[in-house]
Amino acid sequence: MAAVLVAVIIVTGAAVRLTGSGLGCPSWPNCSPGRLTPHSATSYHAMVEFVNRTFTGAVSIGVIAAVLGSLLRSPRRRDLTWLSVGLVGGVIGQIVLGGITVLTDLNPFAVMGHFILSMLLLADAVVLVRRAGQPDGAARRPFGSDLERRTAVLQFVLACAVVVTGAVVTNAGPHAGDRSARRFDVAL
């Protein structure tokens, strides 16, 4: 459940950027000064941003369920416990980094960090799901041969390069989250 919710919030975060709603809620943690909710229900950008922020609650519930599941299962497995606790750290980091992103008026480095942390959080959740499906005491060796291991490492490195490069491109282009948001001064 946590993995699906993390994936969904990444999509809602993308909707915030693509619709230019990144500063739809101009303050943090409230949406508008003195109000948790948008000042006006008619503000499209505020509602898009507010829905994304609100969905963090659903993600938090999913993460709590993952932690409880890892702690209450018998026998308890250390790998599952650590992976679920990693989700807690990731969500807390996302909340703080999301606040920094808004308070710095969508600083491109903050926006990139927020997205990259989302990818790490999703990776943690996917590994947790995969490992939870393995029998207790199963060998945790994910690859058979040296070639398979090297290929996996290469794929991981290339995927990281694509994610970071994509984040830079997005922060240099028209979808920085708001018309007035600062962008990287890179001609791509």
C-alpha atoms as a PDB file:
ATOM      1  CA  MET A   1       0.000   0.000   0.000  1.00  0.00           C
ATOM      2  CA  ALA A   2       2.792   2.468   0.907  1.00  0.00           C
ATOM      3  CA  ALA A   3       4.522   1.874  -2.434  1.00  0.00           C
ATOM      4  CA  VAL A   4       1.344   2.641  -4.379  1.00  0.00           C
ATOM      5  CA  LEU A   5       0.659   5.771  -2.321  1.00  0.00           C
ATOM      6  CA  VAL A   6       4.230   7.030  -2.812  1.00  0.00           C
ATOM      7  CA  ALA A   7       3.871   6.468  -6.569  1.00  0.00           C
ATOM      8  CA  VAL A   8       0.559   8.354  -6.591  1.00  0.00           C
ATOM      9  CA  ILE A   9       1.975  11.339  -4.698  1.00  0.00           C
ATOM     10  CA  ILE A  10       4.784  11.538  -7.246  1.00  0.00           C
ATOM     11  CA  VAL A  11       2.118  11.819  -9.933  1.00  0.00           C
ATOM     12  CA  THR A  12       0.231  14.498  -7.970  1.00  0.00           C
ATOM     13  CA  GLY A  13       3.537  16.348  -7.511  1.00  0.00           C
ATOM     14  CA  ALA A  14       4.049  16.195 -11.268  1.00  0.00           C
ATOM     15  CA  ALA A  15       0.558  17.626 -11.727  1.00  0.00           C
ATOM     16  CA  VAL A  16       1.526  20.522  -9.453  1.00  0.00           C
ATOM     17  CA  ARG A  17       4.547  21.291 -11.626  1.00  0.00           C
ATOM     18  CA  LEU A  18       2.903  20.777 -14.998  1.00  0.00           C
ATOM     19  CA  THR A  19      -0.070  22.995 -14.119  1.00  0.00           C
ATOM     20  CA  GLY A  20       2.153  25.755 -12.713  1.00  0.00           C
ATOM     21  CA  SER A  21       0.602  25.311  -9.264  1.00  0.00           C
ATOM     22  CA  GLY A  22       3.844  25.127  -7.293  1.00  0.00           C
ATOM     23  CA  LEU A  23       3.098  28.334  -5.428  1.00  0.00           C
ATOM     24  CA  GLY A  24      -0.679  27.855  -5.444  1.00  0.00           C
ATOM     25  CA  CYS A  25      -0.313  27.661  -1.675  1.00  0.00           C
ATOM     26  CA  PRO A  26       2.116  30.547  -1.080  1.00  0.00           C
ATOM     27  CA  SER A  27       2.941  29.674   2.534  1.00  0.00           C
ATOM     28  CA  TRP A  28       3.892  26.606   4.522  1.00  0.00           C
ATOM     29  CA  PRO A  29       2.703  24.625   6.420  1.00  0.00           C
ATOM     30  CA  ASN A  30      -0.565  26.490   5.880  1.00  0.00           C
ATOM     31  CA  CYS A  31      -1.857  26.901   2.362  1.00  0.00           C
ATOM     32  CA  SER A  32      -2.534  30.596   2.768  1.00  0.00           C
ATOM     33  CA  PRO A  33      -1.505  32.877   5.637  1.00  0.00           C
ATOM     34  CA  GLY A  34      -3.399  31.830   8.738  1.00  0.00           C
ATOM     35  CA  ARG A  35      -5.369  29.096   6.938  1.00  0.00           C
ATOM     36  CA  LEU A  36      -4.629  25.414   6.452  1.00  0.00           C
ATOM     37  CA  THR A  37      -6.868  25.324   3.386  1.00  0.00           C
ATOM     38  CA  PRO A  38      -6.769  27.515   0.280  1.00  0.00           C
ATOM     39  CA  HIS A  39      -8.192  30.996   0.809  1.00  0.00           C
ATOM     40  CA  SER A  40     -10.647  30.509  -2.010  1.00  0.00           C
ATOM     41  CA  ALA A  41     -12.021  27.265  -3.410  1.00  0.00           C
ATOM     42  CA  THR A  42     -12.086  28.938  -6.811  1.00  0.00           C
ATOM     43  CA  SER A  43      -8.305  29.147  -7.077  1.00  0.00           C
ATOM     44  CA  TYR A  44      -7.365  26.274  -9.372  1.00  0.00           C
ATOM     45  CA  HIS A  45      -3.642  26.393  -8.568  1.00  0.00           C
ATOM     46  CA  ALA A  46      -4.249  26.515  -4.825  1.00  0.00           C
ATOM     47  CA  MET A  47      -6.541  23.484  -5.026  1.00  0.00           C
ATOM     48  CA  VAL A  48      -4.026  21.475  -7.077  1.00  0.00           C
ATOM     49  CA  GLU A  49      -1.257  22.228  -4.568  1.00  0.00           C
ATOM     50  CA  PHE A  50      -3.565  21.638  -1.596  1.00  0.00           C
ATOM     51  CA  VAL A  51      -4.637  18.208  -2.903  1.00  0.00           C
ATOM     52  CA  ASN A  52      -0.982  17.247  -3.275  1.00  0.00           C
ATOM     53  CA  ARG A  53      -0.239  18.387   0.290  1.00  0.00           C
ATOM     54  CA  THR A  54      -3.319  16.639   1.648  1.00  0.00           C
ATOM     55  CA  PHE A  55      -2.327  13.388  -0.020  1.00  0.00           C
ATOM     56  CA  THR A  56       0.775  13.393   2.181  1.00  0.00           C
ATOM     57  CA  GLY A  57      -1.586  12.311   4.965  1.00  0.00           C
ATOM     58  CA  ALA A  58      -2.561   9.201   3.008  1.00  0.00           C
ATOM     59  CA  VAL A  59       1.100   8.446   2.333  1.00  0.00           C
ATOM     60  CA  SER A  60       1.838   8.844   6.037  1.00  0.00           C
ATOM     61  CA  ILE A  61      -0.912   6.360   6.931  1.00  0.00           C
ATOM     62  CA  GLY A  62       0.490   3.883   4.402  1.00  0.00           C
ATOM     63  CA  VAL A  63       3.973   4.288   5.848  1.00  0.00           C
ATOM     64  CA  ILE A  64       2.686   3.821   9.403  1.00  0.00           C
ATOM     65  CA  ALA A  65       0.960   0.615   8.262  1.00  0.00           C
ATOM     66  CA  ALA A  66       4.226  -0.595   6.698  1.00  0.00           C
ATOM     67  CA  VAL A  67       6.157   0.072   9.909  1.00  0.00           C
ATOM     68  CA  LEU A  68       3.527  -1.624  12.052  1.00  0.00           C
ATOM     69  CA  GLY A  69       3.470  -4.581   9.676  1.00  0.00           C
ATOM     70  CA  SER A  70       7.230  -4.980   9.889  1.00  0.00           C
ATOM     71  CA  LEU A  71       7.225  -4.685  13.688  1.00  0.00           C
ATOM     72  CA  LEU A  72       4.266  -6.980  14.330  1.00  0.00           C
ATOM     73  CA  ARG A  73       5.167  -9.787  11.928  1.00  0.00           C
ATOM     74  CA  SER A  74       6.522 -12.954  13.404  1.00  0.00           C
ATOM     75  CA  PRO A  75       9.295 -13.670  13.081  1.00  0.00           C
ATOM     76  CA  ARG A  76      10.424 -10.067  12.834  1.00  0.00           C
ATOM     77  CA  ARG A  77      12.868  -9.448  10.021  1.00  0.00           C
ATOM     78  CA  ARG A  78      15.485  -6.780  10.434  1.00  0.00           C
ATOM     79  CA  ASP A  79      15.610  -5.946   6.704  1.00  0.00           C
ATOM     80  CA  LEU A  80      11.882  -5.217   6.587  1.00  0.00           C
ATOM     81  CA  THR A  81      12.030  -3.151   9.759  1.00  0.00           C
ATOM     82  CA  TRP A  82      14.883  -0.996   8.456  1.00  0.00           C
ATOM     83  CA  LEU A  83      13.246  -0.521   5.065  1.00  0.00           C
ATOM     84  CA  SER A  84       9.953   0.543   6.668  1.00  0.00           C
ATOM     85  CA  VAL A  85      11.749   2.930   9.039  1.00  0.00           C
ATOM     86  CA  GLY A  86      13.490   4.326   5.951  1.00  0.00           C
ATOM     87  CA  LEU A  87      10.043   5.205   4.620  1.00  0.00           C
ATOM     88  CA  VAL A  88       9.350   7.204   7.788  1.00  0.00           C
ATOM     89  CA  GLY A  89      12.615   9.109   7.361  1.00  0.00           C
ATOM     90  CA  GLY A  90      11.806   9.727   3.722  1.00  0.00           C
ATOM     91  CA  VAL A  91       8.339  11.096   4.428  1.00  0.00           C
ATOM     92  CA  ILE A  92       9.657  13.372   7.169  1.00  0.00           C
ATOM     93  CA  GLY A  93      12.393  14.529   4.789  1.00  0.00           C
ATOM     94  CA  GLN A  94       9.783  15.179   2.093  1.00  0.00           C
ATOM     95  CA  ILE A  95       7.649  17.262   4.428  1.00  0.00           C
ATOM     96  CA  VAL A  96      10.636  19.387   5.464  1.00  0.00           C
ATOM     97  CA  LEU A  97      12.012  19.665   1.929  1.00  0.00           C
ATOM     98  CA  GLY A  98       8.540  20.485   0.576  1.00  0.00           C
ATOM     99  CA  GLY A  99       8.341  23.347   3.073  1.00  0.00           C
ATOM    100  CA  ILE A 100      11.788  24.577   2.091  1.00  0.00           C
ATOM    101  CA  THR A 101      10.775  24.376  -1.566  1.00  0.00           C
ATOM    102  CA  VAL A 102       7.746  26.612  -0.985  1.00  0.00           C
ATOM    103  CA  LEU A 103       9.538  29.005   1.388  1.00  0.00           C
ATOM    104  CA  THR A 104      12.356  29.504  -1.155  1.00  0.00           C
ATOM    105  CA  ASP A 105       9.818  30.233  -3.926  1.00  0.00           C
ATOM    106  CA  LEU A 106      10.596  26.995  -5.788  1.00  0.00           C
ATOM    107  CA  ASN A 107      14.370  27.267  -5.721  1.00  0.00           C
ATOM    108  CA  PRO A 108      15.415  24.823  -8.462  1.00  0.00           C
ATOM    109  CA  PHE A 109      17.843  23.002  -6.164  1.00  0.00           C
ATOM    110  CA  ALA A 110      15.108  22.515  -3.560  1.00  0.00           C
ATOM    111  CA  VAL A 111      12.679  21.319  -6.240  1.00  0.00           C
ATOM    112  CA  MET A 112      15.273  18.864  -7.560  1.00  0.00           C
ATOM    113  CA  GLY A 113      16.023  17.589  -4.071  1.00  0.00           C
ATOM    114  CA  HIS A 114      12.324  17.140  -3.385  1.00  0.00           C
ATOM    115  CA  PHE A 115      11.890  15.066  -6.558  1.00  0.00           C
ATOM    116  CA  ILE A 116      15.046  12.993  -6.071  1.00  0.00           C
ATOM    117  CA  LEU A 117      14.044  12.210  -2.489  1.00  0.00           C
ATOM    118  CA  SER A 118      10.683  11.065  -3.891  1.00  0.00           C
ATOM    119  CA  MET A 119      12.486   8.657  -6.203  1.00  0.00           C
ATOM    120  CA  LEU A 120      14.546   7.296  -3.297  1.00  0.00           C
ATOM    121  CA  LEU A 121      11.409   6.909  -1.225  1.00  0.00           C
ATOM    122  CA  LEU A 122       9.733   4.989  -4.049  1.00  0.00           C
ATOM    123  CA  ALA A 123      12.805   2.769  -4.461  1.00  0.00           C
ATOM    124  CA  ASP A 124      12.758   2.012  -0.723  1.00  0.00           C
ATOM    125  CA  ALA A 125       9.052   1.121  -0.894  1.00  0.00           C
ATOM    126  CA  VAL A 126       9.520  -1.148  -3.929  1.00  0.00           C
ATOM    127  CA  VAL A 127      12.428  -2.991  -2.297  1.00  0.00           C
ATOM    128  CA  LEU A 128      10.314  -3.388   0.853  1.00  0.00           C
ATOM    129  CA  VAL A 129       7.467  -4.926  -1.159  1.00  0.00           C
ATOM    130  CA  ARG A 130       9.855  -7.265  -2.971  1.00  0.00           C
ATOM    131  CA  ARG A 131      11.620  -8.410   0.182  1.00  0.00           C
ATOM    132  CA  ALA A 132       8.385  -8.826   2.103  1.00  0.00           C
ATOM    133  CA  GLY A 133       7.360 -11.371  -0.547  1.00  0.00           C
ATOM    134  CA  GLN A 134      10.461 -13.485   0.036  1.00  0.00           C
ATOM    135  CA  PRO A 135      10.292 -16.346   2.511  1.00  0.00           C
ATOM    136  CA  ASP A 136      11.955 -15.957   5.904  1.00  0.00           C
ATOM    137  CA  GLY A 137      15.584 -17.002   5.876  1.00  0.00           C
ATOM    138  CA  ALA A 138      15.780 -16.834   2.083  1.00  0.00           C
ATOM    139  CA  ALA A 139      19.136 -15.925   0.651  1.00  0.00           C
ATOM    140  CA  ARG A 140      19.116 -12.208  -0.145  1.00  0.00           C
ATOM    141  CA  ARG A 141      21.512 -12.538  -3.076  1.00  0.00           C
ATOM    142  CA  PRO A 142      19.600 -10.750  -5.845  1.00  0.00           C
ATOM    143  CA  PHE A 143      21.919 -11.654  -8.718  1.00  0.00           C
ATOM    144  CA  GLY A 144      23.425 -14.898  -9.860  1.00  0.00           C
ATOM    145  CA  SER A 145      26.508 -14.128 -11.884  1.00  0.00           C
ATOM    146  CA  ASP A 146      29.072 -11.351 -11.914  1.00  0.00           C
ATOM    147  CA  LEU A 147      27.713 -10.213 -15.269  1.00  0.00           C
ATOM    148  CA  GLU A 148      24.187  -9.897 -13.855  1.00  0.00           C
ATOM    149  CA  ARG A 149      25.455  -7.906 -10.871  1.00  0.00           C
ATOM    150  CA  ARG A 150      27.528  -5.576 -13.057  1.00  0.00           C
ATOM    151  CA  THR A 151      24.629  -5.087 -15.450  1.00  0.00           C
ATOM    152  CA  ALA A 152      22.335  -4.201 -12.544  1.00  0.00           C
ATOM    153  CA  VAL A 153      24.854  -1.694 -11.167  1.00  0.00           C
ATOM    154  CA  LEU A 154      25.230  -0.129 -14.620  1.00  0.00           C
ATOM    155  CA  GLN A 155      21.446   0.122 -14.986  1.00  0.00           C
ATOM    156  CA  PHE A 156      21.206   1.735 -11.550  1.00  0.00           C
ATOM    157  CA  VAL A 157      23.900   4.303 -12.367  1.00  0.00           C
ATOM    158  CA  LEU A 158      22.290   5.109 -15.724  1.00  0.00           C
ATOM    159  CA  ALA A 159      18.839   5.409 -14.131  1.00  0.00           C
ATOM    160  CA  CYS A 160      20.261   7.827 -11.536  1.00  0.00           C
ATOM    161  CA  ALA A 161      21.842   9.877 -14.330  1.00  0.00           C
ATOM    162  CA  VAL A 162      18.527  10.007 -16.195  1.00  0.00           C
ATOM    163  CA  VAL A 163      16.596  11.095 -13.084  1.00  0.00           C
ATOM    164  CA  VAL A 164      19.079  13.847 -12.200  1.00  0.00           C
ATOM    165  CA  THR A 165      19.410  15.026 -15.808  1.00  0.00           C
ATOM    166  CA  GLY A 166      15.631  15.036 -16.182  1.00  0.00           C
ATOM    167  CA  ALA A 167      15.288  17.110 -13.016  1.00  0.00           C
ATOM    168  CA  VAL A 168      17.814  19.635 -14.334  1.00  0.00           C
ATOM    169  CA  VAL A 169      16.032  19.835 -17.693  1.00  0.00           C
ATOM    170  CA  THR A 170      12.663  20.342 -16.013  1.00  0.00           C
ATOM    171  CA  ASN A 171      14.091  23.077 -13.789  1.00  0.00           C
ATOM    172  CA  ALA A 172      15.521  24.836 -16.835  1.00  0.00           C
ATOM    173  CA  GLY A 173      12.379  24.607 -18.930  1.00  0.00           C
ATOM    174  CA  PRO A 174       8.813  25.823 -18.847  1.00  0.00           C
ATOM    175  CA  HIS A 175       7.606  23.451 -16.103  1.00  0.00           C
ATOM    176  CA  ALA A 176       9.463  24.787 -13.084  1.00  0.00           C
ATOM    177  CA  GLY A 177       6.223  24.789 -11.093  1.00  0.00           C
ATOM    178  CA  ASP A 178       5.193  28.431 -11.400  1.00  0.00           C
ATOM    179  CA  ARG A 179       5.570  31.169 -14.015  1.00  0.00           C
ATOM    180  CA  SER A 180       7.612  33.283 -11.631  1.00  0.00           C
ATOM    181  CA  ALA A 181       9.800  30.422 -10.356  1.00  0.00           C
ATOM    182  CA  ARG A 182      13.525  30.803 -10.784  1.00  0.00           C
ATOM    183  CA  ARG A 183      14.969  28.404 -13.335  1.00  0.00           C
ATOM    184  CA  PHE A 184      18.400  27.058 -14.084  1.00  0.00           C
ATOM    185  CA  ASP A 185      20.102  29.245 -16.655  1.00  0.00           C
ATOM    186  CA  VAL A 186      20.983  26.384 -18.963  1.00  0.00           C
ATOM    187  CA  ALA A 187      20.143  26.293 -22.645  1.00  0.00           C
ATOM    188  CA  LEU A 188      18.879  22.816 -23.379  1.00  0.00           C
END
